[in-house]
N, C-alpha and C. Protein backbone atom coordinates (compact mmCIF):
# COMPACT_ATOMS: atom_id res chain seq x y z
N MET A 1 100.14 91.81 100.99
CA MET A 1 99.69 93.20 100.93
C MET A 1 99.48 93.57 99.60
N ALA A 2 98.30 94.16 99.34
CA ALA A 2 97.98 94.67 98.00
C ALA A 2 98.89 95.78 97.52
N SER A 3 99.22 95.70 96.19
CA SER A 3 100.11 96.64 95.65
C SER A 3 99.39 97.87 95.39
N SER A 4 100.06 99.04 95.38
CA SER A 4 99.52 100.36 95.08
C SER A 4 99.29 100.33 93.59
N PRO A 5 98.25 101.03 93.22
CA PRO A 5 98.00 101.09 91.61
C PRO A 5 98.95 101.94 90.90
N HIS A 6 99.31 101.62 89.66
CA HIS A 6 100.20 102.34 88.88
C HIS A 6 99.31 103.36 88.17
N ARG A 7 99.86 104.47 87.82
CA ARG A 7 99.07 105.54 87.18
C ARG A 7 99.86 106.29 86.19
N ALA A 8 99.12 106.93 85.25
CA ALA A 8 99.65 107.69 84.22
C ALA A 8 98.78 108.90 84.14
N LEU A 9 99.44 110.13 84.05
CA LEU A 9 98.66 111.41 83.83
C LEU A 9 99.04 112.10 82.65
N MET A 10 98.12 112.28 81.76
CA MET A 10 98.36 112.95 80.40
C MET A 10 97.85 114.44 80.49
N ILE A 11 98.64 115.36 80.00
CA ILE A 11 98.27 116.75 79.98
C ILE A 11 98.12 117.26 78.59
N ARG A 12 97.02 117.92 78.35
CA ARG A 12 96.67 118.48 77.06
C ARG A 12 95.85 119.84 77.26
N ARG A 13 95.55 120.49 76.25
CA ARG A 13 94.69 121.70 76.35
C ARG A 13 93.32 121.21 75.75
N ILE A 14 92.29 121.98 76.34
CA ILE A 14 90.95 121.64 75.83
C ILE A 14 90.12 122.97 75.94
N ASP A 15 89.21 123.18 75.00
CA ASP A 15 88.14 124.24 75.02
C ASP A 15 87.17 123.67 76.03
N PRO A 16 86.80 124.49 77.03
CA PRO A 16 85.91 123.90 78.15
C PRO A 16 84.53 123.47 77.44
N ALA A 17 84.13 124.04 76.36
CA ALA A 17 82.90 123.75 75.62
C ALA A 17 82.90 122.31 75.21
N ASP A 18 84.12 121.73 75.06
CA ASP A 18 84.28 120.35 74.48
C ASP A 18 84.36 119.24 75.58
N ARG A 19 84.26 119.64 76.81
CA ARG A 19 84.28 118.67 77.89
C ARG A 19 83.31 117.44 77.78
N ALA A 20 82.04 117.84 77.40
CA ALA A 20 81.12 116.83 77.36
C ALA A 20 81.37 115.91 76.27
N ALA A 21 81.87 116.28 75.06
CA ALA A 21 82.16 115.43 73.96
C ALA A 21 83.38 114.62 74.29
N VAL A 22 84.31 115.04 75.03
CA VAL A 22 85.50 114.17 75.38
C VAL A 22 84.99 113.10 76.39
N ALA A 23 84.27 113.51 77.34
CA ALA A 23 83.72 112.53 78.27
C ALA A 23 82.83 111.45 77.57
N GLN A 24 82.02 111.82 76.55
CA GLN A 24 81.32 110.79 75.83
C GLN A 24 82.10 109.91 75.01
N ALA A 25 83.26 110.49 74.44
CA ALA A 25 84.11 109.67 73.74
C ALA A 25 84.71 108.65 74.62
N PHE A 26 85.10 108.90 75.89
CA PHE A 26 85.60 107.91 76.74
C PHE A 26 84.54 107.01 77.35
N ARG A 27 83.46 107.50 77.39
CA ARG A 27 82.14 106.67 77.96
C ARG A 27 81.98 105.54 76.99
N GLU A 28 82.04 105.80 75.70
CA GLU A 28 81.77 104.78 74.66
C GLU A 28 82.91 103.80 74.66
N HIS A 29 84.26 104.38 74.72
CA HIS A 29 85.40 103.53 74.80
C HIS A 29 85.41 102.59 76.00
N ASP A 30 85.05 103.14 77.18
CA ASP A 30 85.10 102.30 78.30
C ASP A 30 84.09 101.09 78.37
N ARG A 31 83.19 101.15 77.44
CA ARG A 31 82.23 100.09 77.32
C ARG A 31 82.83 98.85 76.55
N THR A 32 83.90 99.06 75.90
CA THR A 32 84.61 98.04 75.12
C THR A 32 85.45 97.20 76.14
N GLU A 33 86.00 96.12 75.62
CA GLU A 33 86.90 95.28 76.43
C GLU A 33 88.33 95.81 76.62
N LEU A 34 88.68 96.81 75.80
CA LEU A 34 90.00 97.23 75.71
C LEU A 34 90.64 97.72 77.09
N PRO A 35 89.82 98.62 77.76
CA PRO A 35 90.42 99.08 78.94
C PRO A 35 90.76 97.89 79.98
N ALA A 36 89.98 96.91 79.96
CA ALA A 36 90.29 95.80 80.88
C ALA A 36 91.43 94.95 80.37
N ARG A 37 91.63 94.94 79.02
CA ARG A 37 92.73 94.12 78.59
C ARG A 37 93.95 94.93 78.75
N ILE A 38 94.04 96.29 78.73
CA ILE A 38 95.17 97.02 78.97
C ILE A 38 95.42 97.03 80.43
N GLY A 39 94.51 96.88 81.31
CA GLY A 39 94.70 96.87 82.73
C GLY A 39 94.25 98.14 83.53
N VAL A 40 93.36 98.94 82.71
CA VAL A 40 92.80 100.19 83.39
C VAL A 40 91.76 99.85 84.38
N THR A 41 91.94 100.17 85.69
CA THR A 41 90.93 100.04 86.51
C THR A 41 90.17 101.27 87.00
N ARG A 42 90.62 102.46 86.57
CA ARG A 42 89.99 103.63 86.93
C ARG A 42 90.40 104.84 86.09
N ARG A 43 89.49 105.62 85.64
CA ARG A 43 89.84 106.72 84.66
C ARG A 43 89.24 108.07 85.23
N THR A 44 90.02 109.08 85.22
CA THR A 44 89.48 110.35 85.78
C THR A 44 89.91 111.41 84.77
N LEU A 45 88.96 112.30 84.42
CA LEU A 45 89.12 113.45 83.61
C LEU A 45 89.07 114.71 84.38
N LEU A 46 90.04 115.64 84.35
CA LEU A 46 89.88 116.86 85.08
C LEU A 46 90.10 118.02 84.08
N HIS A 47 89.58 119.22 84.52
CA HIS A 47 89.82 120.46 83.86
C HIS A 47 90.19 121.59 84.66
N TYR A 48 91.18 122.37 84.21
CA TYR A 48 91.45 123.56 85.14
C TYR A 48 92.01 124.67 84.05
N HIS A 49 91.15 125.68 83.89
CA HIS A 49 91.48 126.80 83.02
C HIS A 49 92.11 126.47 81.65
N GLY A 50 91.41 125.63 80.99
CA GLY A 50 91.88 125.33 79.63
C GLY A 50 92.85 124.09 79.65
N LEU A 51 93.20 123.56 80.85
CA LEU A 51 94.18 122.49 80.79
C LEU A 51 93.25 121.19 81.04
N TYR A 52 93.66 120.26 80.35
CA TYR A 52 92.96 118.86 80.40
C TYR A 52 93.83 117.90 81.03
N MET A 53 93.48 117.18 82.07
CA MET A 53 94.24 116.16 82.61
C MET A 53 93.42 114.94 82.69
N HIS A 54 94.20 113.87 82.16
CA HIS A 54 93.59 112.44 82.11
C HIS A 54 94.42 111.55 82.94
N LEU A 55 93.85 111.10 84.05
CA LEU A 55 94.46 110.18 84.96
C LEU A 55 93.92 108.73 84.73
N VAL A 56 94.81 107.90 84.43
CA VAL A 56 94.35 106.42 84.40
C VAL A 56 95.19 105.69 85.44
N GLU A 57 94.51 104.73 86.09
CA GLU A 57 95.13 103.81 87.11
C GLU A 57 94.92 102.40 86.76
N GLY A 58 95.87 101.53 87.05
CA GLY A 58 95.73 100.08 86.80
C GLY A 58 96.81 99.36 87.37
N GLY A 59 97.08 98.29 86.81
CA GLY A 59 98.12 97.22 87.33
C GLY A 59 99.53 97.70 86.91
N ARG A 60 100.38 96.91 87.25
CA ARG A 60 101.87 97.18 87.20
C ARG A 60 102.31 97.37 85.78
N ASP A 61 101.62 96.77 84.66
CA ASP A 61 102.11 96.82 83.35
C ASP A 61 101.27 97.93 82.54
N LEU A 62 100.59 98.85 83.28
CA LEU A 62 99.56 99.67 82.69
C LEU A 62 100.27 100.62 81.69
N THR A 63 101.29 101.31 81.93
CA THR A 63 101.99 102.17 80.93
C THR A 63 102.39 101.34 79.67
N ASP A 64 103.18 100.30 80.02
CA ASP A 64 103.61 99.50 78.78
C ASP A 64 102.32 99.14 77.94
N ASN A 65 101.40 98.68 78.60
CA ASN A 65 100.13 98.11 77.85
C ASN A 65 99.38 99.27 76.98
N LEU A 66 99.50 100.45 77.64
CA LEU A 66 98.93 101.69 76.99
C LEU A 66 99.53 101.88 75.65
N TYR A 67 100.87 101.94 75.66
CA TYR A 67 101.66 102.30 74.51
C TYR A 67 101.59 101.15 73.43
N ALA A 68 101.49 99.88 73.97
CA ALA A 68 101.41 98.72 73.05
C ALA A 68 100.09 98.51 72.31
N SER A 69 99.04 99.29 72.88
CA SER A 69 97.71 99.08 72.28
C SER A 69 97.43 100.22 71.26
N ARG A 70 98.41 101.06 70.99
CA ARG A 70 98.12 102.11 70.09
C ARG A 70 97.62 101.82 68.78
N GLU A 71 97.92 100.62 68.23
CA GLU A 71 97.51 100.12 66.91
C GLU A 71 96.27 99.36 66.91
N ASP A 72 95.62 99.17 68.10
CA ASP A 72 94.24 98.57 68.15
C ASP A 72 93.27 99.48 67.53
N PRO A 73 92.25 98.88 66.78
CA PRO A 73 91.38 99.86 66.25
C PRO A 73 90.53 100.62 67.23
N ARG A 74 90.16 99.99 68.30
CA ARG A 74 89.36 100.67 69.30
C ARG A 74 90.15 101.84 69.94
N PHE A 75 91.52 101.60 70.10
CA PHE A 75 92.32 102.71 70.68
C PHE A 75 92.46 103.90 69.61
N ARG A 76 92.71 103.40 68.32
CA ARG A 76 92.81 104.38 67.30
C ARG A 76 91.48 105.25 67.11
N GLU A 77 90.45 104.62 67.38
CA GLU A 77 89.11 105.24 67.18
C GLU A 77 88.85 106.39 68.22
N VAL A 78 89.24 105.98 69.45
CA VAL A 78 89.12 107.14 70.51
C VAL A 78 90.16 108.14 70.31
N ASP A 79 91.34 107.75 69.98
CA ASP A 79 92.40 108.67 69.69
C ASP A 79 92.18 109.68 68.67
N GLN A 80 91.41 109.17 67.55
CA GLN A 80 91.00 110.09 66.46
C GLN A 80 89.89 111.16 66.92
N LYS A 81 89.06 110.58 67.87
CA LYS A 81 88.05 111.57 68.30
C LYS A 81 88.65 112.70 69.16
N LEU A 82 89.62 112.25 69.92
CA LEU A 82 90.23 113.13 70.85
C LEU A 82 91.15 114.25 70.17
N ALA A 83 91.71 113.74 69.11
CA ALA A 83 92.48 114.69 68.27
C ALA A 83 91.66 115.88 67.69
N GLU A 84 90.53 115.73 67.60
CA GLU A 84 89.72 116.75 67.09
C GLU A 84 89.07 117.68 68.28
N LEU A 85 89.34 117.19 69.53
CA LEU A 85 88.75 117.96 70.72
C LEU A 85 89.86 118.51 71.48
N LEU A 86 91.15 117.90 71.36
CA LEU A 86 92.23 118.32 72.30
C LEU A 86 93.45 118.76 71.45
N THR A 87 94.29 119.56 72.16
CA THR A 87 95.54 120.03 71.44
C THR A 87 96.71 119.89 72.46
N PRO A 88 97.91 119.50 71.91
CA PRO A 88 99.02 119.35 72.75
C PRO A 88 99.26 120.57 73.72
N TYR A 89 99.68 120.17 74.91
CA TYR A 89 100.04 121.31 75.86
C TYR A 89 101.30 122.04 75.31
N ASP A 90 102.23 121.24 74.73
CA ASP A 90 103.47 121.79 74.12
C ASP A 90 103.45 121.35 72.57
N PRO A 91 103.18 122.20 71.69
CA PRO A 91 103.15 121.66 70.21
C PRO A 91 104.44 120.98 69.74
N ARG A 92 105.44 121.23 70.53
CA ARG A 92 106.82 120.54 70.12
C ARG A 92 106.80 119.14 70.58
N ARG A 93 105.85 118.75 71.36
CA ARG A 93 105.74 117.40 72.16
C ARG A 93 104.26 116.88 72.04
N PRO A 94 103.85 116.52 70.76
CA PRO A 94 102.59 116.11 70.53
C PRO A 94 102.20 114.79 70.86
N SER A 95 103.07 113.90 71.17
CA SER A 95 102.80 112.43 71.28
C SER A 95 102.22 112.22 72.82
N MET A 96 101.51 111.00 72.81
CA MET A 96 100.99 110.70 74.19
C MET A 96 101.97 110.41 75.22
N ARG A 97 103.18 109.82 74.77
CA ARG A 97 104.31 109.63 75.73
C ARG A 97 104.80 110.92 76.32
N GLU A 98 104.89 111.82 75.38
CA GLU A 98 105.54 113.21 75.61
C GLU A 98 104.56 114.10 76.53
N ALA A 99 103.24 113.70 76.37
CA ALA A 99 102.16 114.41 77.14
C ALA A 99 102.01 113.93 78.52
N GLN A 100 102.80 112.93 78.90
CA GLN A 100 102.64 112.25 80.24
C GLN A 100 103.40 113.01 81.36
N ALA A 101 102.72 113.44 82.33
CA ALA A 101 103.35 114.18 83.39
C ALA A 101 104.25 113.18 84.30
N GLU A 102 105.36 113.73 84.71
CA GLU A 102 106.33 112.86 85.50
C GLU A 102 105.92 113.07 87.11
N GLU A 103 105.86 111.87 87.71
CA GLU A 103 105.66 111.79 88.98
C GLU A 103 106.92 111.86 89.82
N PHE A 104 106.90 112.89 90.72
CA PHE A 104 108.20 112.97 91.45
C PHE A 104 108.02 112.94 92.97
N TYR A 105 106.74 112.62 93.37
CA TYR A 105 106.58 112.39 94.87
C TYR A 105 105.30 111.60 95.02
N HIS A 106 105.19 110.71 95.96
CA HIS A 106 104.05 109.80 96.14
C HIS A 106 103.92 109.36 97.68
N TRP A 107 102.80 109.51 98.20
CA TRP A 107 102.56 109.09 99.53
C TRP A 107 101.11 108.46 99.53
N SER A 108 101.03 107.41 100.26
CA SER A 108 99.72 106.66 100.45
C SER A 108 99.50 106.26 101.78
N ALA A 109 98.24 106.26 102.25
CA ALA A 109 97.83 105.89 103.62
C ALA A 109 97.19 104.54 103.60
N ASP A 110 97.81 103.66 102.76
CA ASP A 110 97.00 102.39 102.47
C ASP A 110 97.04 101.56 103.72
N ALA A 111 95.95 100.89 104.08
CA ALA A 111 95.92 100.18 105.37
C ALA A 111 96.81 98.89 105.29
N PRO A 112 97.36 98.53 106.38
CA PRO A 112 98.10 97.33 106.36
C PRO A 112 97.26 96.09 106.05
N ALA A 113 97.87 95.09 105.46
CA ALA A 113 97.19 93.81 105.16
C ALA A 113 97.07 92.91 106.26
N ALA A 114 95.98 92.06 106.55
CA ALA A 114 96.05 91.21 107.48
C ALA A 114 96.79 89.92 107.08
N THR A 115 97.66 89.39 108.00
CA THR A 115 98.33 88.15 107.66
C THR A 115 97.98 87.11 108.68
N TYR A 116 97.12 87.30 109.67
CA TYR A 116 96.70 86.39 110.76
C TYR A 116 95.31 86.32 110.96
N ARG A 117 94.52 85.32 110.85
CA ARG A 117 93.18 85.12 111.15
C ARG A 117 92.82 84.13 112.21
N LEU A 118 92.05 84.51 113.04
CA LEU A 118 91.55 83.57 114.17
C LEU A 118 90.01 83.27 113.94
N LEU A 119 89.80 81.98 113.96
CA LEU A 119 88.46 81.64 113.79
C LEU A 119 88.03 80.73 115.06
N LEU A 120 86.90 81.32 115.74
CA LEU A 120 86.47 80.55 116.97
C LEU A 120 85.00 80.04 116.68
N GLU A 121 84.75 78.85 117.05
CA GLU A 121 83.55 78.22 117.06
C GLU A 121 83.11 78.08 118.55
N ILE A 122 81.96 78.63 119.02
CA ILE A 122 81.68 78.79 120.31
C ILE A 122 80.24 78.22 120.50
N ARG A 123 80.10 77.29 121.51
CA ARG A 123 78.84 76.65 121.78
C ARG A 123 78.34 77.35 123.03
N VAL A 124 77.26 78.06 122.96
CA VAL A 124 76.77 78.83 124.20
C VAL A 124 75.71 78.01 124.94
N ASP A 125 75.68 78.11 126.15
CA ASP A 125 74.69 77.34 126.95
C ASP A 125 73.28 77.79 126.73
N ASP A 126 72.32 76.93 126.97
CA ASP A 126 70.89 77.14 126.66
C ASP A 126 70.49 78.30 127.43
N GLY A 127 69.74 79.30 126.66
CA GLY A 127 69.23 80.46 127.30
C GLY A 127 70.11 81.67 127.54
N ARG A 128 71.37 81.49 127.13
CA ARG A 128 72.31 82.49 127.44
C ARG A 128 72.85 83.17 126.23
N GLY A 129 72.21 83.04 125.00
CA GLY A 129 72.74 83.70 123.86
C GLY A 129 72.66 85.30 123.84
N ALA A 130 71.61 85.85 124.37
CA ALA A 130 71.58 87.27 124.47
C ALA A 130 72.75 87.80 125.41
N GLU A 131 72.94 87.08 126.53
CA GLU A 131 74.05 87.51 127.43
C GLU A 131 75.39 87.43 126.74
N PHE A 132 75.60 86.30 125.93
CA PHE A 132 76.88 86.12 125.27
C PHE A 132 76.99 87.20 124.25
N GLU A 133 76.03 87.66 123.55
CA GLU A 133 76.12 88.74 122.57
C GLU A 133 76.44 89.96 123.13
N ARG A 134 75.90 90.38 124.27
CA ARG A 134 76.27 91.60 124.92
C ARG A 134 77.77 91.49 125.49
N THR A 135 78.10 90.38 125.98
CA THR A 135 79.54 90.24 126.47
C THR A 135 80.48 90.35 125.21
N TRP A 136 80.12 89.75 124.19
CA TRP A 136 81.05 89.83 122.98
C TRP A 136 81.08 91.31 122.48
N GLN A 137 80.05 92.04 122.46
CA GLN A 137 80.04 93.44 122.13
C GLN A 137 81.06 94.25 122.90
N ARG A 138 81.06 93.98 124.28
CA ARG A 138 81.99 94.60 125.10
C ARG A 138 83.61 94.26 124.60
N MET A 139 83.63 92.96 124.34
CA MET A 139 85.02 92.55 123.93
C MET A 139 85.41 93.12 122.61
N ALA A 140 84.35 93.26 121.70
CA ALA A 140 84.66 93.78 120.34
C ALA A 140 85.10 95.21 120.45
N ALA A 141 84.50 95.97 121.49
CA ALA A 141 84.96 97.38 121.62
C ALA A 141 86.27 97.57 122.01
N VAL A 142 86.78 96.54 122.94
CA VAL A 142 88.12 96.50 123.37
C VAL A 142 89.02 96.19 122.12
N VAL A 143 88.75 95.28 121.42
CA VAL A 143 89.45 94.85 120.28
C VAL A 143 89.59 95.91 119.16
N ASP A 144 88.43 96.77 119.04
CA ASP A 144 88.42 97.83 118.09
C ASP A 144 89.42 98.95 118.30
N ARG A 145 89.94 99.01 119.64
CA ARG A 145 90.92 100.00 119.91
C ARG A 145 92.30 99.54 119.55
N GLN A 146 92.46 98.45 119.18
CA GLN A 146 93.83 97.81 118.85
C GLN A 146 94.18 98.09 117.31
N PRO A 147 95.16 98.94 117.06
CA PRO A 147 95.55 99.21 115.76
C PRO A 147 95.86 98.00 114.85
N ALA A 148 96.31 96.90 115.52
CA ALA A 148 96.80 95.76 114.82
C ALA A 148 95.59 94.89 114.36
N ASN A 149 94.44 95.09 115.00
CA ASN A 149 93.14 94.32 114.57
C ASN A 149 92.56 95.07 113.40
N LEU A 150 92.37 94.45 112.31
CA LEU A 150 91.79 95.05 110.97
C LEU A 150 90.35 94.72 110.78
N ALA A 151 89.80 93.63 111.33
CA ALA A 151 88.46 93.33 111.15
C ALA A 151 88.04 92.31 112.12
N GLN A 152 86.68 92.23 112.51
CA GLN A 152 86.26 91.25 113.26
C GLN A 152 84.68 91.12 113.06
N SER A 153 84.21 89.88 113.24
CA SER A 153 82.79 89.59 113.01
C SER A 153 82.19 88.51 113.96
N LEU A 154 80.97 88.57 114.27
CA LEU A 154 80.29 87.56 115.07
C LEU A 154 79.15 87.01 114.17
N SER A 155 79.05 85.73 113.82
CA SER A 155 77.92 85.18 113.21
C SER A 155 77.30 84.04 113.97
N ARG A 156 76.04 83.86 113.77
CA ARG A 156 75.18 82.88 114.36
C ARG A 156 74.82 81.87 113.45
N ASP A 157 75.00 80.44 113.86
CA ASP A 157 74.53 79.46 112.95
C ASP A 157 72.99 79.52 112.82
N ARG A 158 72.53 79.42 111.54
CA ARG A 158 71.04 79.53 111.37
C ARG A 158 70.45 78.20 111.76
N LYS A 159 71.11 77.17 111.65
CA LYS A 159 70.47 75.81 111.96
C LYS A 159 70.56 75.46 113.36
N ASP A 160 71.63 75.98 114.05
CA ASP A 160 71.82 75.81 115.54
C ASP A 160 72.17 77.05 116.23
N PRO A 161 71.08 77.78 116.70
CA PRO A 161 71.24 78.97 117.38
C PRO A 161 72.19 79.20 118.45
N ARG A 162 72.52 77.92 119.09
CA ARG A 162 73.52 78.02 120.19
C ARG A 162 74.92 78.16 119.69
N THR A 163 75.19 78.00 118.43
CA THR A 163 76.45 78.00 117.96
C THR A 163 76.94 79.37 117.28
N TYR A 164 78.02 80.02 117.77
CA TYR A 164 78.45 81.12 117.17
C TYR A 164 79.81 80.96 116.58
N TYR A 165 80.08 81.89 115.55
CA TYR A 165 81.44 81.98 114.99
C TYR A 165 82.02 83.36 115.06
N VAL A 166 83.31 83.46 115.57
CA VAL A 166 83.95 84.70 115.67
C VAL A 166 85.15 84.63 114.75
N VAL A 167 85.25 85.59 113.84
CA VAL A 167 86.39 85.85 112.96
C VAL A 167 87.20 87.14 113.29
N SER A 168 88.45 86.97 113.49
CA SER A 168 89.28 88.07 113.81
C SER A 168 90.48 88.27 113.10
N ASP A 169 90.68 89.26 112.41
CA ASP A 169 91.82 89.42 111.48
C ASP A 169 92.84 90.51 112.09
N TRP A 170 94.13 90.02 112.07
CA TRP A 170 95.27 90.84 112.66
C TRP A 170 96.32 91.01 111.73
N THR A 171 97.15 92.10 111.88
CA THR A 171 98.28 92.27 111.00
C THR A 171 99.26 91.06 111.13
N ASP A 172 99.41 90.63 112.26
CA ASP A 172 100.27 89.45 112.44
C ASP A 172 100.04 88.69 113.74
N ALA A 173 100.59 87.45 113.81
CA ALA A 173 100.32 86.66 115.02
C ALA A 173 100.84 87.21 116.32
N GLU A 174 101.96 87.87 116.17
CA GLU A 174 102.67 88.53 117.45
C GLU A 174 101.71 89.49 117.97
N ALA A 175 100.97 90.39 117.09
CA ALA A 175 100.13 91.41 117.62
C ALA A 175 98.98 90.79 118.47
N PHE A 176 98.38 89.73 117.83
CA PHE A 176 97.30 89.08 118.58
C PHE A 176 97.75 88.50 119.91
N GLU A 177 98.94 87.88 119.91
CA GLU A 177 99.52 87.21 121.13
C GLU A 177 99.66 88.30 122.26
N ARG A 178 100.14 89.44 121.84
CA ARG A 178 100.30 90.57 122.84
C ARG A 178 98.97 90.95 123.37
N PHE A 179 98.03 91.14 122.49
CA PHE A 179 96.64 91.54 122.87
C PHE A 179 96.03 90.42 123.86
N SER A 180 96.26 89.19 123.60
CA SER A 180 95.70 88.15 124.35
C SER A 180 96.06 88.06 125.76
N ARG A 181 97.20 88.72 126.01
CA ARG A 181 97.66 88.68 127.34
C ARG A 181 97.25 89.98 128.17
N ASP A 182 96.62 90.83 127.40
CA ASP A 182 96.17 92.09 128.04
C ASP A 182 95.10 91.80 129.17
N PRO A 183 95.15 92.34 130.35
CA PRO A 183 94.37 92.00 131.50
C PRO A 183 92.81 92.29 131.11
N GLU A 184 92.52 93.31 130.48
CA GLU A 184 91.11 93.57 130.04
C GLU A 184 90.53 92.55 129.19
N HIS A 185 91.39 92.04 128.23
CA HIS A 185 90.96 91.07 127.25
C HIS A 185 90.74 89.70 128.03
N ARG A 186 91.71 89.37 128.88
CA ARG A 186 91.58 88.22 129.61
C ARG A 186 90.28 88.15 130.61
N ALA A 187 89.96 89.34 131.20
CA ALA A 187 88.80 89.36 131.95
C ALA A 187 87.58 89.17 131.19
N LEU A 188 87.52 89.74 130.00
CA LEU A 188 86.25 89.45 129.14
C LEU A 188 86.25 88.09 128.60
N ALA A 189 87.45 87.53 128.22
CA ALA A 189 87.53 86.08 127.74
C ALA A 189 87.10 85.14 128.84
N ASP A 190 87.44 85.43 130.12
CA ASP A 190 86.90 84.57 131.28
C ASP A 190 85.49 84.73 131.39
N ALA A 191 84.94 85.83 131.20
CA ALA A 191 83.41 86.09 131.22
C ALA A 191 82.69 85.21 130.19
N VAL A 192 83.29 85.31 128.84
CA VAL A 192 82.67 84.43 127.86
C VAL A 192 82.75 83.04 128.25
N SER A 193 83.91 82.54 128.69
CA SER A 193 83.99 81.15 129.16
C SER A 193 82.86 80.58 130.05
N THR A 194 82.31 81.60 130.77
CA THR A 194 81.17 81.13 131.72
C THR A 194 79.90 80.95 131.01
N LEU A 195 79.77 81.37 129.81
CA LEU A 195 78.51 81.25 129.07
C LEU A 195 78.46 80.23 128.14
N GLY A 196 79.58 79.50 127.89
CA GLY A 196 79.59 78.47 126.96
C GLY A 196 81.01 77.82 126.92
N ARG A 197 81.30 77.06 125.81
CA ARG A 197 82.61 76.55 125.66
C ARG A 197 83.10 76.78 124.14
N THR A 198 84.33 76.87 123.95
CA THR A 198 85.00 76.93 122.63
C THR A 198 85.25 75.61 122.10
N VAL A 199 84.36 75.37 121.06
CA VAL A 199 84.46 74.02 120.43
C VAL A 199 85.57 73.87 119.50
N ARG A 200 86.01 74.92 118.94
CA ARG A 200 87.18 74.93 118.01
C ARG A 200 87.77 76.37 117.85
N MET A 201 89.01 76.35 117.92
CA MET A 201 89.83 77.61 117.66
C MET A 201 90.84 77.33 116.58
N THR A 202 90.81 78.00 115.49
CA THR A 202 91.69 77.80 114.44
C THR A 202 92.36 78.92 114.07
N ALA A 203 93.68 78.94 114.06
CA ALA A 203 94.54 80.05 113.71
C ALA A 203 95.13 79.95 112.29
N MET A 204 95.03 80.90 111.49
CA MET A 204 95.38 80.83 109.97
C MET A 204 96.29 81.87 109.51
N HIS A 205 97.24 81.54 108.79
CA HIS A 205 98.11 82.72 108.17
C HIS A 205 97.49 82.85 106.77
N ILE A 206 97.21 84.14 106.55
CA ILE A 206 96.61 84.58 105.36
C ILE A 206 97.71 84.74 104.22
N ARG A 207 97.64 84.10 103.22
CA ARG A 207 98.60 84.18 102.03
C ARG A 207 98.41 85.36 101.16
N ASP A 208 99.43 86.02 100.89
CA ASP A 208 99.29 87.06 99.75
C ASP A 208 99.10 86.27 98.41
N PRO A 209 98.07 86.72 97.69
CA PRO A 209 97.68 85.84 96.52
C PRO A 209 98.93 85.99 95.46
N ARG A 210 99.79 86.90 95.55
CA ARG A 210 101.04 87.00 94.62
C ARG A 210 102.03 85.93 95.02
N GLU A 211 101.95 85.35 96.18
CA GLU A 211 102.93 84.30 96.55
C GLU A 211 102.77 83.01 95.60
N SER A 212 101.55 82.76 95.15
CA SER A 212 101.31 81.60 94.41
C SER A 212 101.38 81.77 92.85
N ARG A 213 101.84 82.96 92.51
CA ARG A 213 101.98 83.19 90.93
C ARG A 213 103.40 82.67 90.53
C-alpha cells in the first residue's frame, strides 16, 4: 500500500502585494534539481489576511532533508529572496523550524491498494465477439458494485481479434473468492463460457515495492 505523503507547513506574514514576487521566487527555485533531491513532490502557497502559509509535501525524509539543505547555494538563494518579502509570524521565533506549524490531527481517505490480480486470456468463437463484449459489460457492471474490486479492463488482441484479455484487481484473494461464488457472477460466467473458452487464467499477488528494498 502506498504511504501517505509527509508534509510541513510554514507560517509567516506577507504583504498581499508581494504574493506574485514570492510565487516567482519559488517558480524559479522549483525549476532546479534541489526540490527533487530534497524529496519535495508538491508545493502550495496560501494567503489569508496577511498570513502566508507554505505547504510542502514529499517522502518520509522530507523534513530532515529540508533542514539539511539549508547550506545549499540554491536553498540560500531562494531563502534570501524570501527574507525580503516575508516576515516572521512571531519575531521571537524567526527560524524556519520555529515557523513550522504542528500537526495535531490527520485523516485520509486513501484508497486501499490491490494485492491480488486476475488475468484471463479468453478465446471467443468465430462471429461472437460483439456478443461476448456485451456479456462482459454486464459482468463488469456487477463487478463495479464490489467494494473490494479496484480496477478491471478488457483488451482485444490486435493480431488475433478472437482473443481477449481481462485484468481484474482486488484488495485480496479472499474477496475475489467470495465474489466468484456469488450467484449473479456465476450466471454471467456461465454465459461467457458459451461464447468461447478460457485459454489461460493467471492469479498474481501484487508485491508492495517497499518489500524489495
